[in-house]
Amino acid sequence: MSEFEHDDDIVSKSELKRAAEAQQQLGETLVSLAEGKLAKIPLDEELLDAIHLAQRIRNTREGYRRQLQLIGKMMRHRDTGPIEQALAELEHSHHEQNALFHQLEKHRDAILAIGDEAIQHFIDAYPQADRQKLRQLYRQANKQAEQNKPPAAKRELFKYLREVATV
């Protein structure tokens, strides 16, 4: 038996560099998040402080680069599984919100084009919606369109649809 037969545990230098780069990319993703989204990710105080500092010094090129490297180094000594899972959940919720947004745009366009039939279809999907308010917003939007006014009622209709759908 030679000494090289049990080298399955040896990690090449290139693999280590790729892993370090992945950790730094994860840190860069965390730095790019808004404060509200960052609060939803399980981070310890030290890492959170480093991320906040990187967000503050984003304009200083070299300092920012070094801070990202520090965050990457800090990430290598932590279990990143929960962080990656939280980021994936944020991404998934973002896609769900986007899909809902597009669906509501289609409902709004249908209501403006068809009228009562589309309103009934929306109420079937969202029974908590107020038919009277929907019809009022529909009439206002049509009136504003006829008078070539800015589409304030159209925006108000979409705002109401979004409010009903998220309740």
N, C-alpha and C. Protein backbone atom coordinates (compact mmCIF):
# COMPACT_ATOMS: atom_id res chain seq x y z
N MET A 1 0.83 -1.17 0.00
CA MET A 1 0.00 0.00 0.00
C MET A 1 0.88 1.25 0.00
N SER A 2 0.61 2.15 -0.90
CA SER A 2 1.42 3.35 -0.95
C SER A 2 0.75 4.46 -0.14
N GLU A 3 1.50 5.50 0.08
CA GLU A 3 0.97 6.60 0.88
C GLU A 3 -0.06 7.44 0.14
N PHE A 4 -0.18 7.28 -1.17
CA PHE A 4 -1.09 8.10 -1.96
C PHE A 4 -2.46 7.47 -2.18
N GLU A 5 -2.69 6.28 -1.67
CA GLU A 5 -3.96 5.61 -1.89
C GLU A 5 -5.09 6.20 -1.05
N HIS A 6 -4.80 6.87 0.03
CA HIS A 6 -5.82 7.42 0.93
C HIS A 6 -5.87 8.94 0.85
N ASP A 7 -5.67 9.47 -0.33
CA ASP A 7 -5.64 10.92 -0.51
C ASP A 7 -7.01 11.50 -0.87
N ASP A 8 -8.08 10.78 -0.56
CA ASP A 8 -9.41 11.27 -0.87
C ASP A 8 -9.75 12.53 -0.06
N ASP A 9 -9.13 12.69 1.10
CA ASP A 9 -9.42 13.83 1.96
C ASP A 9 -8.62 15.06 1.58
N ILE A 10 -7.63 14.92 0.74
CA ILE A 10 -6.79 16.05 0.36
C ILE A 10 -7.56 16.92 -0.63
N VAL A 11 -7.59 18.21 -0.34
CA VAL A 11 -8.28 19.16 -1.20
C VAL A 11 -7.22 19.97 -1.93
N SER A 12 -7.38 20.11 -3.22
CA SER A 12 -6.38 20.83 -4.00
C SER A 12 -6.44 22.32 -3.69
N LYS A 13 -5.37 22.99 -4.02
CA LYS A 13 -5.28 24.42 -3.78
C LYS A 13 -6.33 25.16 -4.63
N SER A 14 -6.57 24.67 -5.82
CA SER A 14 -7.58 25.28 -6.70
C SER A 14 -8.97 25.16 -6.09
N GLU A 15 -9.27 24.00 -5.51
CA GLU A 15 -10.58 23.82 -4.87
C GLU A 15 -10.73 24.77 -3.69
N LEU A 16 -9.66 24.94 -2.92
CA LEU A 16 -9.71 25.87 -1.79
C LEU A 16 -9.96 27.29 -2.28
N LYS A 17 -9.31 27.66 -3.38
CA LYS A 17 -9.50 29.01 -3.92
C LYS A 17 -10.93 29.20 -4.43
N ARG A 18 -11.47 28.17 -5.08
CA ARG A 18 -12.86 28.27 -5.55
C ARG A 18 -13.83 28.38 -4.38
N ALA A 19 -13.58 27.63 -3.33
CA ALA A 19 -14.44 27.71 -2.15
C ALA A 19 -14.35 29.09 -1.50
N ALA A 20 -13.13 29.63 -1.43
CA ALA A 20 -12.95 30.97 -0.85
C ALA A 20 -13.66 32.02 -1.70
N GLU A 21 -13.57 31.87 -3.02
CA GLU A 21 -14.24 32.81 -3.93
C GLU A 21 -15.76 32.71 -3.77
N ALA A 22 -16.26 31.50 -3.59
CA ALA A 22 -17.70 31.32 -3.39
C ALA A 22 -18.15 31.98 -2.09
N GLN A 23 -17.35 31.86 -1.04
CA GLN A 23 -17.69 32.50 0.24
C GLN A 23 -17.68 34.02 0.09
N GLN A 24 -16.71 34.53 -0.67
CA GLN A 24 -16.63 35.98 -0.87
C GLN A 24 -17.83 36.45 -1.70
N GLN A 25 -18.24 35.67 -2.70
CA GLN A 25 -19.42 36.02 -3.49
C GLN A 25 -20.68 36.04 -2.62
N LEU A 26 -20.77 35.08 -1.71
CA LEU A 26 -21.90 35.04 -0.78
C LEU A 26 -21.90 36.30 0.09
N GLY A 27 -20.71 36.69 0.56
CA GLY A 27 -20.59 37.92 1.34
C GLY A 27 -20.98 39.14 0.54
N GLU A 28 -20.58 39.16 -0.73
CA GLU A 28 -20.93 40.29 -1.60
C GLU A 28 -22.44 40.37 -1.81
N THR A 29 -23.07 39.21 -1.92
CA THR A 29 -24.53 39.17 -2.03
C THR A 29 -25.18 39.74 -0.78
N LEU A 30 -24.63 39.38 0.38
CA LEU A 30 -25.17 39.90 1.64
C LEU A 30 -25.01 41.41 1.72
N VAL A 31 -23.87 41.93 1.26
CA VAL A 31 -23.62 43.37 1.30
C VAL A 31 -24.61 44.11 0.40
N SER A 32 -25.01 43.49 -0.69
CA SER A 32 -25.91 44.16 -1.64
C SER A 32 -27.37 44.17 -1.18
N LEU A 33 -27.69 43.43 -0.13
CA LEU A 33 -29.08 43.37 0.34
C LEU A 33 -29.48 44.63 1.10
N ALA A 34 -30.75 44.95 1.03
CA ALA A 34 -31.30 46.06 1.81
C ALA A 34 -31.40 45.63 3.27
N GLU A 35 -31.51 46.60 4.15
CA GLU A 35 -31.52 46.33 5.59
C GLU A 35 -32.66 45.40 6.00
N GLY A 36 -33.83 45.59 5.43
CA GLY A 36 -34.98 44.75 5.78
C GLY A 36 -34.76 43.29 5.43
N LYS A 37 -34.17 43.04 4.27
CA LYS A 37 -33.89 41.66 3.87
C LYS A 37 -32.74 41.08 4.67
N LEU A 38 -31.78 41.92 5.00
CA LEU A 38 -30.62 41.47 5.77
C LEU A 38 -31.04 41.02 7.17
N ALA A 39 -32.08 41.65 7.71
CA ALA A 39 -32.56 41.29 9.04
C ALA A 39 -33.18 39.90 9.07
N LYS A 40 -33.62 39.40 7.92
CA LYS A 40 -34.25 38.09 7.85
C LYS A 40 -33.24 36.95 7.75
N ILE A 41 -31.96 37.29 7.67
CA ILE A 41 -30.93 36.27 7.49
C ILE A 41 -30.21 36.05 8.82
N PRO A 42 -30.00 34.80 9.20
CA PRO A 42 -29.35 34.51 10.49
C PRO A 42 -27.85 34.82 10.45
N LEU A 43 -27.49 35.99 10.95
CA LEU A 43 -26.09 36.42 10.97
C LEU A 43 -25.69 36.77 12.39
N ASP A 44 -24.45 36.46 12.75
CA ASP A 44 -23.99 36.87 14.07
C ASP A 44 -23.59 38.34 14.02
N GLU A 45 -23.40 38.92 15.19
CA GLU A 45 -23.16 40.36 15.32
C GLU A 45 -21.89 40.80 14.60
N GLU A 46 -20.84 40.02 14.72
CA GLU A 46 -19.56 40.39 14.11
C GLU A 46 -19.68 40.46 12.58
N LEU A 47 -20.30 39.47 12.00
CA LEU A 47 -20.47 39.44 10.54
C LEU A 47 -21.41 40.55 10.09
N LEU A 48 -22.44 40.80 10.85
CA LEU A 48 -23.39 41.86 10.51
C LEU A 48 -22.71 43.23 10.55
N ASP A 49 -21.85 43.45 11.54
CA ASP A 49 -21.11 44.71 11.61
C ASP A 49 -20.19 44.87 10.41
N ALA A 50 -19.53 43.79 10.00
CA ALA A 50 -18.64 43.84 8.84
C ALA A 50 -19.43 44.15 7.57
N ILE A 51 -20.62 43.60 7.46
CA ILE A 51 -21.47 43.86 6.29
C ILE A 51 -21.92 45.32 6.28
N HIS A 52 -22.32 45.83 7.44
CA HIS A 52 -22.74 47.24 7.51
C HIS A 52 -21.58 48.18 7.16
N LEU A 53 -20.39 47.85 7.62
CA LEU A 53 -19.22 48.67 7.28
C LEU A 53 -18.98 48.64 5.78
N ALA A 54 -19.07 47.48 5.16
CA ALA A 54 -18.87 47.38 3.71
C ALA A 54 -19.93 48.20 2.97
N GLN A 55 -21.14 48.22 3.47
CA GLN A 55 -22.19 49.01 2.83
C GLN A 55 -21.89 50.50 2.93
N ARG A 56 -21.28 50.90 4.04
CA ARG A 56 -20.96 52.32 4.23
C ARG A 56 -19.78 52.76 3.38
N ILE A 57 -18.80 51.88 3.16
CA ILE A 57 -17.59 52.29 2.44
C ILE A 57 -17.60 51.82 0.99
N ARG A 58 -18.75 51.60 0.45
CA ARG A 58 -18.88 51.08 -0.91
C ARG A 58 -18.19 51.98 -1.94
N ASN A 59 -18.11 53.27 -1.69
CA ASN A 59 -17.53 54.20 -2.65
C ASN A 59 -16.01 54.18 -2.68
N THR A 60 -15.39 53.73 -1.62
CA THR A 60 -13.92 53.65 -1.61
C THR A 60 -13.53 52.28 -2.14
N ARG A 61 -12.99 52.28 -3.35
CA ARG A 61 -12.76 51.03 -4.08
C ARG A 61 -11.89 50.03 -3.34
N GLU A 62 -10.71 50.45 -2.92
CA GLU A 62 -9.77 49.52 -2.29
C GLU A 62 -10.27 49.07 -0.91
N GLY A 63 -10.79 50.01 -0.14
CA GLY A 63 -11.31 49.65 1.17
C GLY A 63 -12.48 48.69 1.07
N TYR A 64 -13.33 48.92 0.10
CA TYR A 64 -14.48 48.04 -0.12
C TYR A 64 -14.02 46.64 -0.50
N ARG A 65 -13.04 46.57 -1.40
CA ARG A 65 -12.52 45.27 -1.83
C ARG A 65 -11.93 44.51 -0.66
N ARG A 66 -11.17 45.20 0.18
CA ARG A 66 -10.56 44.55 1.34
C ARG A 66 -11.62 44.12 2.35
N GLN A 67 -12.65 44.93 2.50
CA GLN A 67 -13.73 44.57 3.43
C GLN A 67 -14.46 43.33 2.92
N LEU A 68 -14.67 43.24 1.61
CA LEU A 68 -15.29 42.04 1.04
C LEU A 68 -14.42 40.81 1.28
N GLN A 69 -13.11 40.97 1.17
CA GLN A 69 -12.21 39.86 1.45
C GLN A 69 -12.31 39.44 2.91
N LEU A 70 -12.41 40.42 3.80
CA LEU A 70 -12.56 40.11 5.22
C LEU A 70 -13.87 39.36 5.48
N ILE A 71 -14.94 39.81 4.83
CA ILE A 71 -16.23 39.12 4.99
C ILE A 71 -16.12 37.70 4.47
N GLY A 72 -15.45 37.51 3.33
CA GLY A 72 -15.24 36.17 2.80
C GLY A 72 -14.47 35.29 3.76
N LYS A 73 -13.45 35.87 4.38
CA LYS A 73 -12.65 35.12 5.37
C LYS A 73 -13.51 34.75 6.57
N MET A 74 -14.34 35.68 7.02
CA MET A 74 -15.23 35.40 8.15
C MET A 74 -16.23 34.31 7.79
N MET A 75 -16.69 34.32 6.54
CA MET A 75 -17.67 33.33 6.10
C MET A 75 -17.06 31.92 6.06
N ARG A 76 -15.77 31.82 5.79
CA ARG A 76 -15.12 30.50 5.72
C ARG A 76 -15.11 29.80 7.07
N HIS A 77 -15.21 30.56 8.15
CA HIS A 77 -15.16 29.99 9.49
C HIS A 77 -16.56 29.80 10.09
N ARG A 78 -17.58 29.92 9.26
CA ARG A 78 -18.95 29.78 9.73
C ARG A 78 -19.70 28.77 8.87
N ASP A 79 -20.76 28.25 9.44
CA ASP A 79 -21.64 27.36 8.67
C ASP A 79 -22.53 28.24 7.81
N THR A 80 -22.35 28.17 6.51
CA THR A 80 -23.11 29.04 5.60
C THR A 80 -24.42 28.42 5.14
N GLY A 81 -24.70 27.21 5.56
CA GLY A 81 -25.95 26.55 5.14
C GLY A 81 -27.19 27.35 5.47
N PRO A 82 -27.37 27.78 6.74
CA PRO A 82 -28.57 28.57 7.06
C PRO A 82 -28.62 29.91 6.31
N ILE A 83 -27.45 30.51 6.07
CA ILE A 83 -27.42 31.78 5.34
C ILE A 83 -27.86 31.56 3.89
N GLU A 84 -27.32 30.52 3.26
CA GLU A 84 -27.69 30.22 1.88
C GLU A 84 -29.17 29.85 1.77
N GLN A 85 -29.67 29.13 2.76
CA GLN A 85 -31.09 28.76 2.76
C GLN A 85 -31.97 30.00 2.90
N ALA A 86 -31.59 30.92 3.78
CA ALA A 86 -32.37 32.15 3.95
C ALA A 86 -32.34 32.99 2.68
N LEU A 87 -31.18 33.05 2.01
CA LEU A 87 -31.09 33.79 0.75
C LEU A 87 -31.97 33.14 -0.32
N ALA A 88 -31.99 31.82 -0.35
CA ALA A 88 -32.83 31.11 -1.33
C ALA A 88 -34.31 31.39 -1.06
N GLU A 89 -34.70 31.42 0.22
CA GLU A 89 -36.09 31.73 0.57
C GLU A 89 -36.45 33.16 0.18
N LEU A 90 -35.52 34.09 0.37
CA LEU A 90 -35.76 35.47 -0.05
C LEU A 90 -35.96 35.55 -1.56
N GLU A 91 -35.12 34.84 -2.29
CA GLU A 91 -35.21 34.83 -3.75
C GLU A 91 -36.53 34.21 -4.19
N HIS A 92 -36.93 33.14 -3.52
CA HIS A 92 -38.19 32.47 -3.85
C HIS A 92 -39.38 33.39 -3.58
N SER A 93 -39.36 34.08 -2.45
CA SER A 93 -40.47 34.98 -2.13
C SER A 93 -40.51 36.15 -3.11
N HIS A 94 -39.33 36.57 -3.58
CA HIS A 94 -39.27 37.65 -4.57
C HIS A 94 -39.94 37.19 -5.87
N HIS A 95 -39.67 35.95 -6.28
CA HIS A 95 -40.29 35.43 -7.50
C HIS A 95 -41.80 35.28 -7.33
N GLU A 96 -42.23 34.87 -6.15
CA GLU A 96 -43.67 34.75 -5.89
C GLU A 96 -44.34 36.12 -5.95
N GLN A 97 -43.70 37.13 -5.37
CA GLN A 97 -44.26 38.48 -5.40
C GLN A 97 -44.32 39.00 -6.83
N ASN A 98 -43.29 38.70 -7.61
CA ASN A 98 -43.28 39.11 -9.01
C ASN A 98 -44.42 38.47 -9.78
N ALA A 99 -44.64 37.18 -9.55
CA ALA A 99 -45.72 36.47 -10.24
C ALA A 99 -47.08 37.05 -9.84
N LEU A 100 -47.26 37.34 -8.55
CA LEU A 100 -48.51 37.94 -8.09
C LEU A 100 -48.71 39.31 -8.72
N PHE A 101 -47.63 40.09 -8.80
CA PHE A 101 -47.68 41.42 -9.39
C PHE A 101 -48.15 41.33 -10.85
N HIS A 102 -47.60 40.40 -11.61
CA HIS A 102 -47.99 40.25 -13.01
C HIS A 102 -49.44 39.77 -13.13
N GLN A 103 -49.84 38.89 -12.24
CA GLN A 103 -51.22 38.40 -12.25
C GLN A 103 -52.19 39.56 -11.97
N LEU A 104 -51.83 40.42 -11.01
CA LEU A 104 -52.70 41.55 -10.69
C LEU A 104 -52.73 42.56 -11.83
N GLU A 105 -51.62 42.73 -12.54
CA GLU A 105 -51.63 43.60 -13.71
C GLU A 105 -52.60 43.08 -14.76
N LYS A 106 -52.62 41.76 -14.95
CA LYS A 106 -53.55 41.17 -15.92
C LYS A 106 -54.99 41.38 -15.47
N HIS A 107 -55.25 41.22 -14.17
CA HIS A 107 -56.60 41.47 -13.65
C HIS A 107 -57.00 42.92 -13.89
N ARG A 108 -56.10 43.84 -13.60
CA ARG A 108 -56.40 45.27 -13.80
C ARG A 108 -56.69 45.55 -15.26
N ASP A 109 -55.85 45.05 -16.16
CA ASP A 109 -56.06 45.29 -17.58
C ASP A 109 -57.38 44.69 -18.06
N ALA A 110 -57.71 43.50 -17.54
CA ALA A 110 -58.98 42.87 -17.91
C ALA A 110 -60.16 43.68 -17.39
N ILE A 111 -60.06 44.16 -16.18
CA ILE A 111 -61.15 44.97 -15.60
C ILE A 111 -61.35 46.23 -16.43
N LEU A 112 -60.25 46.88 -16.83
CA LEU A 112 -60.37 48.10 -17.61
C LEU A 112 -60.88 47.82 -19.02
N ALA A 113 -60.57 46.66 -19.57
CA ALA A 113 -60.99 46.35 -20.94
C ALA A 113 -62.41 45.77 -20.99
N ILE A 114 -62.73 44.88 -20.05
CA ILE A 114 -63.99 44.14 -20.12
C ILE A 114 -65.05 44.73 -19.19
N GLY A 115 -64.66 45.04 -17.96
CA GLY A 115 -65.62 45.63 -17.03
C GLY A 115 -66.18 44.64 -16.04
N ASP A 116 -67.52 44.57 -15.96
CA ASP A 116 -68.21 43.79 -14.92
C ASP A 116 -67.85 42.30 -14.93
N GLU A 117 -67.69 41.73 -16.10
CA GLU A 117 -67.34 40.30 -16.17
C GLU A 117 -65.97 40.05 -15.53
N ALA A 118 -65.01 40.91 -15.81
CA ALA A 118 -63.68 40.77 -15.22
C ALA A 118 -63.71 41.07 -13.72
N ILE A 119 -64.55 42.00 -13.32
CA ILE A 119 -64.70 42.29 -11.88
C ILE A 119 -65.24 41.05 -11.17
N GLN A 120 -66.23 40.39 -11.79
CA GLN A 120 -66.79 39.17 -11.20
C GLN A 120 -65.72 38.08 -11.12
N HIS A 121 -64.91 37.97 -12.15
CA HIS A 121 -63.83 36.97 -12.16
C HIS A 121 -62.85 37.25 -11.01
N PHE A 122 -62.52 38.52 -10.80
CA PHE A 122 -61.60 38.88 -9.71
C PHE A 122 -62.24 38.58 -8.36
N ILE A 123 -63.52 38.87 -8.21
CA ILE A 123 -64.21 38.62 -6.94
C ILE A 123 -64.31 37.12 -6.68
N ASP A 124 -64.46 36.32 -7.73
CA ASP A 124 -64.45 34.87 -7.56
C ASP A 124 -63.10 34.40 -7.02
N ALA A 125 -62.03 35.01 -7.50
CA ALA A 125 -60.69 34.64 -7.04
C ALA A 125 -60.40 35.20 -5.65
N TYR A 126 -60.90 36.41 -5.37
CA TYR A 126 -60.66 37.08 -4.08
C TYR A 126 -62.00 37.54 -3.51
N PRO A 127 -62.70 36.67 -2.77
CA PRO A 127 -64.05 37.00 -2.28
C PRO A 127 -64.09 38.19 -1.33
N GLN A 128 -62.97 38.55 -0.71
CA GLN A 128 -62.97 39.67 0.22
C GLN A 128 -62.98 41.03 -0.49
N ALA A 129 -62.88 41.03 -1.82
CA ALA A 129 -62.87 42.28 -2.58
C ALA A 129 -64.25 42.94 -2.54
N ASP A 130 -64.25 44.26 -2.56
CA ASP A 130 -65.47 45.05 -2.52
C ASP A 130 -65.89 45.39 -3.96
N ARG A 131 -66.99 44.79 -4.41
CA ARG A 131 -67.46 44.98 -5.79
C ARG A 131 -67.75 46.45 -6.08
N GLN A 132 -68.36 47.13 -5.13
CA GLN A 132 -68.72 48.53 -5.33
C GLN A 132 -67.47 49.38 -5.55
N LYS A 133 -66.44 49.15 -4.76
CA LYS A 133 -65.20 49.92 -4.92
C LYS A 133 -64.54 49.61 -6.26
N LEU A 134 -64.55 48.34 -6.65
CA LEU A 134 -63.96 47.97 -7.94
C LEU A 134 -64.70 48.65 -9.10
N ARG A 135 -66.02 48.64 -9.04
CA ARG A 135 -66.80 49.28 -10.11
C ARG A 135 -66.57 50.78 -10.13
N GLN A 136 -66.46 51.39 -8.95
CA GLN A 136 -66.21 52.83 -8.87
C GLN A 136 -64.85 53.16 -9.49
N LEU A 137 -63.82 52.39 -9.15
CA LEU A 137 -62.49 52.64 -9.71
C LEU A 137 -62.47 52.38 -11.21
N TYR A 138 -63.22 51.40 -11.66
CA TYR A 138 -63.33 51.10 -13.09
C TYR A 138 -63.94 52.29 -13.83
N ARG A 139 -65.04 52.83 -13.29
CA ARG A 139 -65.69 53.98 -13.93
C ARG A 139 -64.78 55.20 -13.94
N GLN A 140 -64.09 55.45 -12.82
CA GLN A 140 -63.18 56.59 -12.75
C GLN A 140 -62.04 56.46 -13.76
N ALA A 141 -61.49 55.26 -13.88
CA ALA A 141 -60.38 55.04 -14.82
C ALA A 141 -60.84 55.26 -16.26
N ASN A 142 -62.03 54.77 -16.60
CA ASN A 142 -62.54 54.98 -17.95
C ASN A 142 -62.81 56.45 -18.22
N LYS A 143 -63.35 57.14 -17.23
CA LYS A 143 -63.63 58.57 -17.38
C LYS A 143 -62.34 59.35 -17.59
N GLN A 144 -61.32 59.03 -16.82
CA GLN A 144 -60.03 59.71 -16.96
C GLN A 144 -59.39 59.41 -18.32
N ALA A 145 -59.56 58.19 -18.80
CA ALA A 145 -59.00 57.83 -20.10
C ALA A 145 -59.70 58.60 -21.22
N GLU A 146 -61.02 58.75 -21.11
CA GLU A 146 -61.79 59.50 -22.12
C GLU A 146 -61.38 60.96 -22.15
N GLN A 147 -61.07 61.52 -20.98
CA GLN A 147 -60.72 62.94 -20.88
C GLN A 147 -59.22 63.17 -21.05
N ASN A 148 -58.48 62.13 -21.39
CA ASN A 148 -57.02 62.21 -21.57
C ASN A 148 -56.30 62.78 -20.35
N LYS A 149 -56.79 62.42 -19.18
CA LYS A 149 -56.16 62.83 -17.93
C LYS A 149 -55.14 61.78 -17.51
N PRO A 150 -54.24 62.13 -16.62
CA PRO A 150 -53.29 61.12 -16.10
C PRO A 150 -54.04 59.97 -15.44
N PRO A 151 -53.54 58.75 -15.58
CA PRO A 151 -54.28 57.56 -15.10
C PRO A 151 -54.19 57.34 -13.59
N ALA A 152 -54.64 58.30 -12.82
CA ALA A 152 -54.59 58.17 -11.36
C ALA A 152 -55.50 57.05 -10.88
N ALA A 153 -56.69 56.95 -11.45
CA ALA A 153 -57.63 55.91 -11.02
C ALA A 153 -57.13 54.53 -11.42
N LYS A 154 -56.43 54.45 -12.53
CA LYS A 154 -55.86 53.17 -12.96
C LYS A 154 -54.83 52.70 -11.94
N ARG A 155 -54.01 53.63 -11.46
CA ARG A 155 -53.02 53.29 -10.42
C ARG A 155 -53.73 52.94 -9.12
N GLU A 156 -54.78 53.68 -8.80
CA GLU A 156 -55.55 53.42 -7.58
C GLU A 156 -56.21 52.04 -7.65
N LEU A 157 -56.69 51.67 -8.83
CA LEU A 157 -57.29 50.35 -9.02
C LEU A 157 -56.24 49.26 -8.77
N PHE A 158 -55.06 49.44 -9.33
CA PHE A 158 -54.01 48.44 -9.12
C PHE A 158 -53.61 48.37 -7.65
N LYS A 159 -53.54 49.52 -7.00
CA LYS A 159 -53.19 49.56 -5.58
C LYS A 159 -54.24 48.80 -4.76
N TYR A 160 -55.51 48.98 -5.11
CA TYR A 160 -56.57 48.27 -4.39
C TYR A 160 -56.50 46.77 -4.65
N LEU A 161 -56.25 46.37 -5.89
CA LEU A 161 -56.12 44.95 -6.22
C LEU A 161 -54.98 44.32 -5.42
N ARG A 162 -53.87 45.02 -5.33
CA ARG A 162 -52.72 44.51 -4.58
C ARG A 162 -53.05 44.40 -3.10
N GLU A 163 -53.77 45.39 -2.59
CA GLU A 163 -54.16 45.38 -1.18
C GLU A 163 -55.07 44.18 -0.88
N VAL A 164 -56.02 43.92 -1.75
CA VAL A 164 -56.94 42.80 -1.57
C VAL A 164 -56.19 41.47 -1.66
N ALA A 165 -55.28 41.36 -2.60
CA ALA A 165 -54.57 40.10 -2.83
C ALA A 165 -53.59 39.77 -1.72
N THR A 166 -53.05 40.76 -1.05
CA THR A 166 -52.05 40.50 -0.01
C THR A 166 -52.65 40.36 1.38
N VAL A 167 -53.93 40.59 1.52
CA VAL A 167 -54.57 40.45 2.83
C VAL A 167 -54.83 39.01 3.16
